[in-house]
Amino acid sequence: MTVHRFQVPTPQIGLAGHQVVDAGKAMASSLPPPGRLAYYTGLGALAAFGFVDWPVAAAIGVGVAVARRATGRQRAGQTRTT
């Protein structure tokens, strides 16, 4: 019996350890705070299990994000003028 071995070339990423850590920190900084992340995760779970349709869940998520952003800007404007 003859066994043939094949070598498949694989690309080398070539990232150093600190680059991977920096990329992880950058990704973590773009995530919402844990409370909001749990909210959006729960909303996604409701849509995944069929309790809420996907378009409705997306509209709720976008609406909440826009409302929070508007509220945050309004509060920031009040602290600057005071």
C-alpha atoms as a PDB file:
ATOM      1  CA  MET A   1       0.000   0.000   0.000  1.00  0.00           C
ATOM      2  CA  THR A   2       1.313   3.419  -0.924  1.00  0.00           C
ATOM      3  CA  VAL A   3       0.376   6.529   1.032  1.00  0.00           C
ATOM      4  CA  HIS A   4       0.629   9.788  -0.845  1.00  0.00           C
ATOM      5  CA  ARG A   5       1.234  12.942   1.153  1.00  0.00           C
ATOM      6  CA  PHE A   6       0.141  16.277  -0.140  1.00  0.00           C
ATOM      7  CA  GLN A   7       1.368  19.601   1.097  1.00  0.00           C
ATOM      8  CA  VAL A   8      -1.117  22.412   0.915  1.00  0.00           C
ATOM      9  CA  PRO A   9       0.486  25.826   1.191  1.00  0.00           C
ATOM     10  CA  THR A  10      -1.103  27.958   3.893  1.00  0.00           C
ATOM     11  CA  PRO A  11      -0.771  31.714   4.093  1.00  0.00           C
ATOM     12  CA  GLN A  12       1.226  33.095   6.980  1.00  0.00           C
ATOM     13  CA  ILE A  13      -0.418  35.958   8.819  1.00  0.00           C
ATOM     14  CA  GLY A  14       2.779  37.133  10.445  1.00  0.00           C
ATOM     15  CA  LEU A  15       1.214  38.985  13.361  1.00  0.00           C
ATOM     16  CA  ALA A  16       3.204  39.492  16.502  1.00  0.00           C
ATOM     17  CA  GLY A  17       1.595  38.914  19.889  1.00  0.00           C
ATOM     18  CA  HIS A  18       1.330  42.620  20.689  1.00  0.00           C
ATOM     19  CA  GLN A  19      -0.472  43.250  17.419  1.00  0.00           C
ATOM     20  CA  VAL A  20      -3.097  40.662  18.317  1.00  0.00           C
ATOM     21  CA  VAL A  21      -3.525  42.229  21.765  1.00  0.00           C
ATOM     22  CA  ASP A  22      -3.832  45.710  20.226  1.00  0.00           C
ATOM     23  CA  ALA A  23      -6.444  44.443  17.774  1.00  0.00           C
ATOM     24  CA  GLY A  24      -8.408  42.889  20.652  1.00  0.00           C
ATOM     25  CA  LYS A  25      -8.292  46.138  22.623  1.00  0.00           C
ATOM     26  CA  ALA A  26      -9.479  48.111  19.596  1.00  0.00           C
ATOM     27  CA  MET A  27     -12.377  45.715  19.094  1.00  0.00           C
ATOM     28  CA  ALA A  28     -13.319  45.822  22.782  1.00  0.00           C
ATOM     29  CA  SER A  29     -13.310  49.620  22.764  1.00  0.00           C
ATOM     30  CA  SER A  30     -15.901  49.655  19.985  1.00  0.00           C
ATOM     31  CA  LEU A  31     -18.361  47.451  21.908  1.00  0.00           C
ATOM     32  CA  PRO A  32     -21.162  49.050  23.907  1.00  0.00           C
ATOM     33  CA  PRO A  33     -21.047  48.964  27.719  1.00  0.00           C
ATOM     34  CA  PRO A  34     -22.006  45.605  29.287  1.00  0.00           C
ATOM     35  CA  GLY A  35     -25.579  46.680  30.103  1.00  0.00           C
ATOM     36  CA  ARG A  36     -26.327  47.725  26.554  1.00  0.00           C
ATOM     37  CA  LEU A  37     -24.523  44.700  25.145  1.00  0.00           C
ATOM     38  CA  ALA A  38     -26.790  42.465  27.234  1.00  0.00           C
ATOM     39  CA  TYR A  39     -29.838  44.383  25.967  1.00  0.00           C
ATOM     40  CA  TYR A  40     -28.864  43.961  22.317  1.00  0.00           C
ATOM     41  CA  THR A  41     -27.957  40.304  22.908  1.00  0.00           C
ATOM     42  CA  GLY A  42     -31.356  39.675  24.483  1.00  0.00           C
ATOM     43  CA  LEU A  43     -33.080  41.440  21.613  1.00  0.00           C
ATOM     44  CA  GLY A  44     -31.153  39.291  19.141  1.00  0.00           C
ATOM     45  CA  ALA A  45     -32.077  36.149  21.087  1.00  0.00           C
ATOM     46  CA  LEU A  46     -35.759  37.083  20.991  1.00  0.00           C
ATOM     47  CA  ALA A  47     -35.510  37.478  17.231  1.00  0.00           C
ATOM     48  CA  ALA A  48     -33.515  34.243  16.831  1.00  0.00           C
ATOM     49  CA  PHE A  49     -36.112  32.215  18.732  1.00  0.00           C
ATOM     50  CA  GLY A  50     -38.973  33.787  16.797  1.00  0.00           C
ATOM     51  CA  PHE A  51     -40.593  35.789  19.590  1.00  0.00           C
ATOM     52  CA  VAL A  52     -39.982  38.981  17.597  1.00  0.00           C
ATOM     53  CA  ASP A  53     -39.538  39.291  13.837  1.00  0.00           C
ATOM     54  CA  TRP A  54     -36.068  40.359  12.631  1.00  0.00           C
ATOM     55  CA  PRO A  55     -37.215  43.669  11.100  1.00  0.00           C
ATOM     56  CA  VAL A  56     -38.981  44.589  14.342  1.00  0.00           C
ATOM     57  CA  ALA A  57     -35.915  43.693  16.430  1.00  0.00           C
ATOM     58  CA  ALA A  58     -33.674  45.708  14.116  1.00  0.00           C
ATOM     59  CA  ALA A  59     -36.014  48.706  14.288  1.00  0.00           C
ATOM     60  CA  ILE A  60     -36.099  48.514  18.092  1.00  0.00           C
ATOM     61  CA  GLY A  61     -32.314  48.231  18.311  1.00  0.00           C
ATOM     62  CA  VAL A  62     -31.685  51.126  15.940  1.00  0.00           C
ATOM     63  CA  GLY A  63     -34.339  53.247  17.646  1.00  0.00           C
ATOM     64  CA  VAL A  64     -32.816  52.676  21.074  1.00  0.00           C
ATOM     65  CA  ALA A  65     -29.313  53.448  19.780  1.00  0.00           C
ATOM     66  CA  VAL A  66     -30.462  56.680  18.113  1.00  0.00           C
ATOM     67  CA  ALA A  67     -32.402  57.747  21.215  1.00  0.00           C
ATOM     68  CA  ARG A  68     -29.408  57.084  23.495  1.00  0.00           C
ATOM     69  CA  ARG A  69     -27.100  58.994  21.180  1.00  0.00           C
ATOM     70  CA  ALA A  70     -29.482  61.959  21.020  1.00  0.00           C
ATOM     71  CA  THR A  71     -29.883  61.940  24.802  1.00  0.00           C
ATOM     72  CA  GLY A  72     -26.112  61.784  25.258  1.00  0.00           C
ATOM     73  CA  ARG A  73     -25.566  64.741  22.946  1.00  0.00           C
ATOM     74  CA  GLN A  74     -28.281  66.706  24.688  1.00  0.00           C
ATOM     75  CA  ARG A  75     -26.689  66.060  28.098  1.00  0.00           C
ATOM     76  CA  ALA A  76     -23.254  66.977  26.771  1.00  0.00           C
ATOM     77  CA  GLY A  77     -24.669  70.266  25.456  1.00  0.00           C
ATOM     78  CA  GLN A  78     -26.207  71.062  28.854  1.00  0.00           C
ATOM     79  CA  THR A  79     -22.958  70.504  30.722  1.00  0.00           C
ATOM     80  CA  ARG A  80     -21.044  72.781  28.360  1.00  0.00           C
ATOM     81  CA  THR A  81     -23.458  75.691  28.660  1.00  0.00           C
ATOM     82  CA  THR A  82     -23.778  75.461  32.460  1.00  0.00           C
END
